[in-house]
Amino acid sequence: MHILNPLKGFTTRIVHSDRQEAIEHGSLQKPVHATVAYGYGDARDLAAVFQGKQQGFTYGRQVNPTVDALQNKITRMEEGIATVCFGTGMAAIGTMLFALLRRGDHFVSSSFLFGNTNSLFNSFGTQGIDVSFVDATAVGAVRAAIRPETKLIFVETIANPVTQVAALEEIGALAREKGLVYVVDNTMTSPWLFLPKSVGASLIINSLTKYIGGHGNALGGAVTETGLFDWRSFGNLYDIYKQGDAQKWAIQQIRKKGLRDFGAALAPEAAHHIAVGAETLALRMERQCANAQALAEFLEAQSWVNKVYYPGLKSHPQHARADRLFRHPGALFSFELSYDVDLWGYLNSLRVVIKSSNLGDNRTLAIPVAHTIYHEMGAERRASMGIDDSLIRISVGIEEADDLIEDFAGAYATLRRS
């Protein structure tokens, strides 16, 4: 085994992450271990592994060497102490809440949420775990929503799709003051643009499907423990999981109680795709963020665009906050067409940009938000989130910026000619 010491740079750490552990046959990457079960010569060793007394692998629903290597990579990216991976980002969020909260508990969430996350949180409400949705761009709104039964606060770094930037530092200080778990979804920024640990996050969520995987070829999600929260003060942990380092009690319960019971396991083939994609995260995001800035500035200057929502623009209400916190303001933005521009005609006139739902892909993707991913939410809830019927969300890829600008301009020109 060849240990590189020290691994200082972000990309150096990720590219050589697998080589920090022993790899079979000198492989440069952890291979795909397509197995569900693991055999032991001595049954006592099998029992010791199940009881957590010995290192090893038990069953594919919870552990796999390929997935384990990816977990180590995500932990290094986020500068955390442990990570658990799941089959999707939604599975990561849902399993985390299932493992840590109980009937009668309450949590506070940003109201500016990914649509599926909003739906999931409302579903928890029907099961006796209450949630308060607040404007997380202002810490006062979060403070006002805290109750005696509140256990955690959940925010996204940059909201999807209208790009509100949460008061991440102030909420982190509030969570420390109140002794609450602080969960930060880092999907929209990724560990390259922002480290939630820097604002006191207890747990970090990443949808690995998006920027970390980057190629639109694998689903995955992750929960990372930062080591900043004192889990000895958290009453919802079962005694059986309070073994060893107290900093890892919660992540152990998330793995053993949550992942095992729900079975939302990440497949080894998907883990391998994501791990390889993650090696170029910094390179891809540098290009994507530069493209997003150029496109947002171009669209903001057009008479046929009502408004552009991108934290990199000085017109954005949280521009200064984004500039202070993030390496770059992200690779996703949204814009509203003027009401005299046909939404469907404009989208169908795009030739380079793909009409698609995903984000974080190498390819630039566009979607009419109110009519698709936020349709089920209803008009009233969409209005409260600032989602207009003319809103188009753009996930910016790695194409040449000039080609993208020409495509957006050309789509409008095509409409004018028709």
Protein backbone atom coordinates (compact mmCIF):
# COMPACT_ATOMS: atom_id res chain seq x y z
CA MET A 1 0.00 0.00 0.00
CA HIS A 2 1.34 3.41 -1.01
CA ILE A 3 0.34 6.24 1.31
CA LEU A 4 0.69 9.76 -0.03
CA ASN A 5 1.45 12.11 2.83
CA PRO A 6 0.37 14.79 3.00
CA LEU A 7 -2.53 15.05 0.55
CA LYS A 8 -3.08 18.79 0.62
CA GLY A 9 -4.98 19.87 -2.49
CA PHE A 10 -8.67 19.05 -2.97
CA THR A 11 -8.29 17.25 -6.30
CA THR A 12 -5.07 15.52 -5.21
CA ARG A 13 -6.91 14.12 -2.18
CA ILE A 14 -9.82 12.87 -4.27
CA VAL A 15 -7.84 11.43 -7.19
CA HIS A 16 -5.62 9.46 -4.80
CA SER A 17 -8.28 8.69 -2.20
CA ASP A 18 -8.61 4.98 -3.00
CA ARG A 19 -4.84 4.53 -2.70
CA GLN A 20 -4.96 5.48 0.98
CA GLU A 21 -6.25 1.96 1.61
CA ALA A 22 -5.08 -1.37 0.27
CA ILE A 23 -6.41 -2.05 -3.25
CA GLU A 24 -6.45 -5.50 -4.80
CA HIS A 25 -3.76 -6.26 -7.40
CA GLY A 26 -2.35 -2.72 -7.36
CA SER A 27 -5.42 -1.23 -9.01
CA LEU A 28 -5.46 2.57 -9.09
CA GLN A 29 -9.19 2.65 -8.27
CA LYS A 30 -11.29 0.52 -5.98
CA PRO A 31 -12.83 -2.16 -8.22
CA VAL A 32 -16.53 -3.03 -8.31
CA HIS A 33 -17.31 -5.66 -5.69
CA ALA A 34 -20.50 -7.13 -7.12
CA THR A 35 -21.40 -9.24 -4.11
CA VAL A 36 -24.12 -9.27 -1.49
CA ALA A 37 -22.66 -11.63 1.12
CA TYR A 38 -19.24 -12.13 2.71
CA GLY A 39 -17.89 -15.43 3.98
CA TYR A 40 -15.76 -16.09 7.09
CA GLY A 41 -13.62 -19.10 7.90
CA ASP A 42 -14.38 -18.77 11.60
CA ALA A 43 -18.00 -18.19 12.63
CA ARG A 44 -16.76 -16.29 15.69
CA ASP A 45 -15.27 -13.66 13.36
CA LEU A 46 -18.62 -13.35 11.59
CA ALA A 47 -20.34 -12.74 14.93
CA ALA A 48 -17.69 -10.23 16.01
CA VAL A 49 -18.18 -8.22 12.82
CA PHE A 50 -21.96 -8.18 13.28
CA GLN A 51 -21.51 -6.98 16.87
CA GLY A 52 -19.11 -4.21 15.86
CA LYS A 53 -16.20 -5.73 17.76
CA GLN A 54 -14.17 -6.42 14.62
CA GLN A 55 -13.75 -4.70 11.26
CA GLY A 56 -15.28 -6.47 8.29
CA PHE A 57 -18.26 -6.78 5.96
CA THR A 58 -21.60 -8.37 6.80
CA TYR A 59 -24.30 -7.88 4.16
CA GLY A 60 -24.65 -5.78 1.02
CA ARG A 61 -27.60 -3.75 2.28
CA GLN A 62 -25.27 -1.96 4.72
CA VAL A 63 -21.68 -2.45 3.59
CA ASN A 64 -19.69 -3.06 0.43
CA PRO A 65 -15.99 -2.41 -0.27
CA THR A 66 -16.71 -0.28 -3.37
CA VAL A 67 -19.28 1.80 -1.50
CA ASP A 68 -16.92 2.03 1.48
CA ALA A 69 -14.23 3.53 -0.76
CA LEU A 70 -16.70 6.13 -2.03
CA GLN A 71 -17.73 6.94 1.53
CA ASN A 72 -14.09 7.58 2.41
CA LYS A 73 -13.81 9.85 -0.62
CA ILE A 74 -16.88 11.89 0.37
CA THR A 75 -15.60 12.17 3.93
CA ARG A 76 -12.30 13.56 2.64
CA MET A 77 -14.14 15.99 0.37
CA GLU A 78 -16.25 17.35 3.23
CA GLU A 79 -13.43 17.18 5.78
CA GLY A 80 -15.74 15.12 7.97
CA ILE A 81 -15.14 12.03 10.09
CA ALA A 82 -17.53 9.46 8.54
CA THR A 83 -20.05 9.09 5.71
CA VAL A 84 -22.93 6.76 4.90
CA CYS A 85 -24.03 6.43 1.27
CA PHE A 86 -27.52 5.65 -0.02
CA GLY A 87 -29.24 4.76 -3.27
CA THR A 88 -30.41 8.37 -3.83
CA GLY A 89 -30.15 11.79 -2.25
CA MET A 90 -33.78 11.55 -1.13
CA ALA A 91 -33.00 8.25 0.58
CA ALA A 92 -30.16 9.96 2.45
CA ILE A 93 -32.44 12.72 3.75
CA GLY A 94 -35.37 10.46 4.61
CA THR A 95 -33.27 7.80 6.30
CA MET A 96 -31.39 10.40 8.35
CA LEU A 97 -34.66 11.83 9.67
CA PHE A 98 -36.14 8.38 10.28
CA ALA A 99 -33.08 7.32 12.26
CA LEU A 100 -32.79 10.44 14.42
CA LEU A 101 -36.36 11.68 15.03
CA ARG A 102 -39.34 10.18 16.84
CA ARG A 103 -43.06 10.85 17.10
CA GLY A 104 -43.66 14.17 18.85
CA ASP A 105 -40.38 15.69 17.66
CA HIS A 106 -40.22 18.88 15.65
CA PHE A 107 -37.71 20.31 13.22
CA VAL A 108 -37.30 23.62 11.40
CA SER A 109 -36.67 23.69 7.67
CA SER A 110 -36.04 26.32 5.07
CA SER A 111 -39.18 26.89 3.03
CA PHE A 112 -37.01 27.21 -0.09
CA LEU A 113 -36.56 23.52 -0.80
CA PHE A 114 -36.16 21.01 -3.57
CA GLY A 115 -39.72 19.88 -4.40
CA ASN A 116 -39.25 16.24 -3.39
CA THR A 117 -37.68 17.27 -0.08
CA ASN A 118 -40.68 19.49 0.61
CA SER A 119 -43.01 16.56 -0.14
CA LEU A 120 -40.99 14.22 2.08
CA PHE A 121 -41.04 16.62 5.03
CA ASN A 122 -44.81 17.00 4.74
CA SER A 123 -45.10 13.21 4.75
CA PHE A 124 -43.16 13.07 8.02
CA GLY A 125 -45.72 15.51 9.39
CA THR A 126 -48.50 12.98 8.82
CA GLN A 127 -46.50 10.47 10.90
CA GLY A 128 -46.27 12.65 13.99
CA ILE A 129 -42.97 14.45 13.32
CA ASP A 130 -43.83 18.11 12.83
CA VAL A 131 -41.96 20.57 10.61
CA SER A 132 -42.03 24.37 10.40
CA PHE A 133 -41.10 25.91 7.05
CA VAL A 134 -39.46 29.34 7.38
CA ASP A 135 -37.54 31.89 5.33
CA ALA A 136 -34.03 30.67 6.10
CA THR A 137 -32.41 33.69 4.48
CA ALA A 138 -33.13 35.42 7.82
CA VAL A 139 -31.98 33.78 11.06
CA GLY A 140 -34.76 35.50 13.00
CA ALA A 141 -37.38 33.42 11.21
CA VAL A 142 -35.56 30.25 12.23
CA ARG A 143 -35.23 31.39 15.85
CA ALA A 144 -38.93 32.23 16.06
CA ALA A 145 -39.90 28.71 14.90
CA ILE A 146 -37.89 26.81 17.54
CA ARG A 147 -39.96 24.97 20.17
CA PRO A 148 -39.06 22.92 23.25
CA GLU A 149 -39.50 19.74 21.18
CA THR A 150 -37.32 20.96 18.28
CA LYS A 151 -34.46 18.58 17.52
CA LEU A 152 -32.83 19.86 14.34
CA ILE A 153 -32.62 22.56 11.68
CA PHE A 154 -32.43 21.71 7.97
CA VAL A 155 -31.30 24.07 5.21
CA GLU A 156 -30.00 23.94 1.65
CA THR A 157 -26.97 26.08 0.82
CA ILE A 158 -28.47 27.54 -2.35
CA ALA A 159 -32.16 26.88 -2.91
CA ASN A 160 -33.41 25.13 -6.02
CA PRO A 161 -34.75 26.70 -8.22
CA VAL A 162 -34.86 30.40 -7.21
CA THR A 163 -31.33 30.35 -5.66
CA GLN A 164 -32.06 31.92 -2.25
CA VAL A 165 -28.94 31.65 -0.08
CA ALA A 166 -29.64 30.65 3.53
CA ALA A 167 -28.15 32.56 6.47
CA LEU A 168 -25.76 29.67 6.93
CA GLU A 169 -23.35 31.24 9.42
CA GLU A 170 -26.05 32.79 11.60
CA ILE A 171 -28.14 29.61 11.68
CA GLY A 172 -25.05 27.63 12.62
CA ALA A 173 -24.47 29.94 15.58
CA LEU A 174 -28.14 29.63 16.56
CA ALA A 175 -27.99 25.82 16.41
CA ARG A 176 -24.94 25.83 18.71
CA GLU A 177 -26.69 28.20 21.11
CA LYS A 178 -29.80 26.01 21.29
CA GLY A 179 -28.00 22.64 21.18
CA LEU A 180 -29.75 21.61 17.97
CA VAL A 181 -28.54 19.33 15.20
CA TYR A 182 -27.71 21.44 12.15
CA VAL A 183 -28.21 19.62 8.84
CA VAL A 184 -26.93 21.34 5.69
CA ASP A 185 -27.72 20.04 2.21
CA ASN A 186 -24.61 20.85 0.17
CA THR A 187 -25.87 19.45 -3.14
CA MET A 188 -26.17 22.78 -4.94
CA THR A 189 -22.70 23.94 -4.00
CA SER A 190 -20.77 20.67 -3.58
CA PRO A 191 -17.72 20.32 -1.34
CA TRP A 192 -15.64 22.17 -3.95
CA LEU A 193 -17.57 25.43 -3.62
CA PHE A 194 -18.40 25.25 0.09
CA LEU A 195 -17.66 23.28 3.27
CA PRO A 196 -20.72 23.28 5.57
CA LYS A 197 -18.42 22.30 8.42
CA SER A 198 -17.10 25.88 8.29
CA VAL A 199 -20.49 27.19 9.50
CA GLY A 200 -20.96 24.56 12.19
CA ALA A 201 -22.97 21.90 10.33
CA SER A 202 -23.53 18.71 12.32
CA LEU A 203 -24.48 16.57 9.33
CA ILE A 204 -24.00 17.23 5.61
CA ILE A 205 -26.26 15.92 2.87
CA ASN A 206 -25.12 15.45 -0.73
CA SER A 207 -27.08 14.13 -3.66
CA LEU A 208 -24.23 12.29 -5.36
CA THR A 209 -26.33 12.11 -8.53
CA LYS A 210 -25.63 15.78 -9.14
CA TYR A 211 -22.27 17.59 -9.21
CA ILE A 212 -20.18 15.00 -7.35
CA GLY A 213 -21.05 12.21 -9.81
CA GLY A 214 -21.40 14.79 -12.55
CA HIS A 215 -22.16 12.63 -15.56
CA GLY A 216 -25.86 11.83 -15.16
CA ASN A 217 -25.17 8.10 -15.11
CA ALA A 218 -25.75 7.04 -11.49
CA LEU A 219 -28.09 7.81 -8.59
CA GLY A 220 -26.70 8.21 -5.08
CA GLY A 221 -26.82 10.16 -1.84
CA ALA A 222 -24.72 10.64 1.27
CA VAL A 223 -24.83 11.79 4.89
CA THR A 224 -21.51 12.97 6.35
CA GLU A 225 -20.77 13.43 10.04
CA THR A 226 -18.60 16.47 10.76
CA GLY A 227 -17.76 15.64 14.38
CA LEU A 228 -18.96 19.05 15.62
CA PHE A 229 -22.13 18.01 17.48
CA ASP A 230 -22.06 16.49 20.98
CA TRP A 231 -24.27 13.45 20.47
CA ARG A 232 -24.06 12.61 24.17
CA SER A 233 -26.71 15.31 24.65
CA PHE A 234 -29.06 13.92 21.99
CA GLY A 235 -31.82 11.87 23.59
CA ASN A 236 -32.94 9.90 20.54
CA LEU A 237 -29.95 7.59 20.25
CA TYR A 238 -30.36 3.95 21.25
CA ASP A 239 -27.93 2.51 23.78
CA ILE A 240 -26.85 -0.26 21.43
CA TYR A 241 -25.36 2.33 19.05
CA LYS A 242 -23.56 4.28 21.77
CA GLN A 243 -20.34 2.35 21.33
CA GLY A 244 -16.88 3.74 20.77
CA ASP A 245 -16.31 7.35 19.73
CA ALA A 246 -19.33 9.47 20.74
CA GLN A 247 -18.80 11.64 17.65
CA LYS A 248 -19.86 8.64 15.55
CA TRP A 249 -22.89 7.50 17.54
CA ALA A 250 -25.43 9.21 15.27
CA ILE A 251 -23.85 8.15 11.97
CA GLN A 252 -23.70 4.61 13.35
CA GLN A 253 -27.43 4.74 14.14
CA ILE A 254 -28.13 6.17 10.68
CA ARG A 255 -26.26 3.25 9.14
CA LYS A 256 -27.38 0.44 11.44
CA LYS A 257 -30.95 1.53 12.15
CA GLY A 258 -31.76 3.68 9.14
CA LEU A 259 -29.96 2.09 6.20
CA ARG A 260 -30.52 -1.45 7.46
CA ASP A 261 -34.24 -1.01 8.15
CA PHE A 262 -35.10 0.96 5.00
CA GLY A 263 -32.66 -0.87 2.75
CA ALA A 264 -31.96 2.15 0.53
CA ALA A 265 -28.52 0.81 -0.32
CA LEU A 266 -26.20 2.25 -2.96
CA ALA A 267 -25.28 -0.40 -5.52
CA PRO A 268 -21.54 -1.01 -6.03
CA GLU A 269 -21.74 -0.30 -9.76
CA ALA A 270 -23.32 3.11 -9.09
CA ALA A 271 -20.76 3.80 -6.36
CA HIS A 272 -17.96 3.16 -8.84
CA HIS A 273 -19.47 5.52 -11.43
CA ILE A 274 -19.82 8.25 -8.79
CA ALA A 275 -16.32 7.72 -7.40
CA VAL A 276 -14.73 8.05 -10.84
CA GLY A 277 -16.86 11.09 -11.66
CA ALA A 278 -15.91 12.75 -8.39
CA GLU A 279 -12.25 12.91 -9.42
CA THR A 280 -12.98 15.79 -11.81
CA LEU A 281 -15.43 17.70 -9.59
CA ALA A 282 -13.25 20.78 -9.17
CA LEU A 283 -12.32 20.91 -12.87
CA ARG A 284 -15.92 20.56 -14.02
CA MET A 285 -17.34 23.07 -11.58
CA GLU A 286 -14.79 25.73 -12.46
CA ARG A 287 -16.01 25.58 -16.07
CA GLN A 288 -19.69 25.25 -15.15
CA CYS A 289 -19.65 28.19 -12.73
CA ALA A 290 -17.83 30.40 -15.25
CA ASN A 291 -20.43 29.47 -17.87
CA ALA A 292 -23.28 30.15 -15.44
CA GLN A 293 -21.93 33.61 -14.66
CA ALA A 294 -21.59 34.47 -18.34
CA LEU A 295 -25.07 33.18 -19.20
CA ALA A 296 -26.75 34.87 -16.26
CA GLU A 297 -25.15 38.22 -17.14
CA PHE A 298 -26.19 37.83 -20.77
CA LEU A 299 -29.80 37.00 -19.92
CA GLU A 300 -30.10 39.77 -17.35
CA ALA A 301 -29.30 42.27 -20.11
CA GLN A 302 -32.05 41.04 -22.45
CA SER A 303 -35.35 42.93 -22.81
CA TRP A 304 -37.25 39.64 -23.26
CA VAL A 305 -36.19 38.39 -19.81
CA ASN A 306 -38.11 39.63 -16.76
CA LYS A 307 -35.67 38.49 -14.07
CA VAL A 308 -32.63 36.28 -13.53
CA TYR A 309 -32.04 34.49 -10.24
CA TYR A 310 -28.33 33.79 -9.75
CA PRO A 311 -26.24 34.58 -6.64
CA GLY A 312 -23.37 35.71 -8.84
CA LEU A 313 -25.35 38.75 -9.99
CA LYS A 314 -25.16 41.95 -7.97
CA SER A 315 -28.94 42.22 -8.28
CA HIS A 316 -29.38 39.03 -6.24
CA PRO A 317 -30.54 39.80 -2.66
CA GLN A 318 -27.94 37.45 -1.13
CA HIS A 319 -25.11 38.28 -3.55
CA ALA A 320 -22.79 39.56 -0.80
CA ARG A 321 -23.44 36.48 1.34
CA ALA A 322 -22.74 34.13 -1.55
CA ASP A 323 -19.60 36.03 -2.43
CA ARG A 324 -18.37 35.71 1.15
CA LEU A 325 -19.23 32.04 1.69
CA PHE A 326 -18.76 30.24 -1.63
CA ARG A 327 -15.76 29.77 -3.88
CA HIS A 328 -18.17 30.46 -6.77
CA PRO A 329 -21.95 31.11 -6.70
CA GLY A 330 -22.89 27.80 -8.28
CA ALA A 331 -23.72 26.43 -11.71
CA LEU A 332 -27.50 26.64 -11.55
CA PHE A 333 -29.74 29.63 -12.13
CA SER A 334 -33.33 30.38 -13.13
CA PHE A 335 -34.88 33.12 -15.22
CA GLU A 336 -38.36 34.37 -16.02
CA LEU A 337 -39.28 35.08 -19.62
CA SER A 338 -41.32 38.16 -20.41
CA TYR A 339 -45.01 37.29 -20.47
CA ASP A 340 -45.25 38.06 -24.19
CA VAL A 341 -42.69 35.32 -24.96
CA ASP A 342 -44.10 31.84 -25.56
CA LEU A 343 -42.49 29.60 -22.92
CA TRP A 344 -42.91 26.39 -24.90
CA GLY A 345 -41.85 27.91 -28.20
CA TYR A 346 -38.71 29.32 -26.58
CA LEU A 347 -37.71 26.05 -24.94
CA ASN A 348 -38.38 24.08 -28.12
CA SER A 349 -36.18 26.49 -30.09
CA LEU A 350 -33.09 25.64 -28.01
CA ARG A 351 -30.73 23.41 -29.97
CA VAL A 352 -27.70 22.86 -27.71
CA VAL A 353 -29.49 23.00 -24.36
CA ILE A 354 -31.40 19.82 -23.50
CA LYS A 355 -34.94 19.86 -22.09
CA SER A 356 -34.42 17.61 -19.09
CA SER A 357 -34.98 17.37 -15.34
CA ASN A 358 -31.59 16.53 -13.83
CA LEU A 359 -28.95 19.00 -12.67
CA GLY A 360 -25.19 18.86 -12.21
CA ASP A 361 -24.66 17.10 -15.56
CA ASN A 362 -21.83 17.93 -17.95
CA ARG A 363 -24.54 18.97 -20.41
CA THR A 364 -26.61 22.12 -20.01
CA LEU A 365 -30.20 21.28 -19.08
CA ALA A 366 -33.35 23.41 -19.04
CA ILE A 367 -36.75 22.74 -17.48
CA PRO A 368 -39.99 24.75 -17.08
CA VAL A 369 -40.22 24.55 -13.29
CA ALA A 370 -43.88 25.25 -12.47
CA HIS A 371 -45.14 22.76 -15.04
CA THR A 372 -42.88 19.84 -14.12
CA ILE A 373 -40.86 19.25 -10.97
CA TYR A 374 -42.94 21.68 -8.86
CA HIS A 375 -46.31 21.00 -10.48
CA GLU A 376 -47.67 18.80 -7.66
CA MET A 377 -46.87 21.47 -5.10
CA GLY A 378 -49.75 23.66 -6.28
CA ALA A 379 -49.90 27.32 -7.27
CA GLU A 380 -50.15 28.73 -3.73
CA ARG A 381 -47.04 26.93 -2.45
CA ARG A 382 -45.13 27.76 -5.64
CA ALA A 383 -46.00 31.42 -5.21
CA SER A 384 -44.69 31.36 -1.63
CA MET A 385 -41.37 30.06 -3.00
CA GLY A 386 -41.19 32.69 -5.74
CA ILE A 387 -41.78 30.23 -8.58
CA ASP A 388 -43.48 32.01 -11.49
CA ASP A 389 -45.23 30.12 -14.30
CA SER A 390 -42.63 31.51 -16.74
CA LEU A 391 -39.64 30.33 -14.67
CA ILE A 392 -37.02 28.24 -16.49
CA ARG A 393 -34.31 26.50 -14.50
CA ILE A 394 -30.91 26.09 -16.11
CA SER A 395 -28.30 23.59 -14.96
CA VAL A 396 -25.18 24.79 -16.73
CA GLY A 397 -22.77 22.31 -18.27
CA ILE A 398 -19.22 22.38 -19.58
CA GLU A 399 -19.89 23.40 -23.17
CA GLU A 400 -18.19 26.51 -24.56
CA ALA A 401 -19.87 29.62 -23.15
CA ASP A 402 -20.13 31.24 -26.59
CA ASP A 403 -22.10 28.27 -27.91
CA LEU A 404 -24.51 28.44 -24.98
CA ILE A 405 -25.06 32.19 -25.28
CA GLU A 406 -25.65 31.80 -29.00
CA ASP A 407 -28.22 29.08 -28.30
CA PHE A 408 -30.19 31.20 -25.81
CA ALA A 409 -30.08 34.23 -28.11
CA GLY A 410 -30.91 32.12 -31.15
CA ALA A 411 -33.99 30.60 -29.52
CA TYR A 412 -35.49 34.05 -29.07
CA ALA A 413 -34.51 35.08 -32.59
CA THR A 414 -36.22 31.96 -33.94
CA LEU A 415 -39.42 32.88 -32.09
CA ARG A 416 -39.34 36.42 -33.48
CA ARG A 417 -39.06 35.08 -37.02
CA SER A 418 -41.90 32.59 -36.63
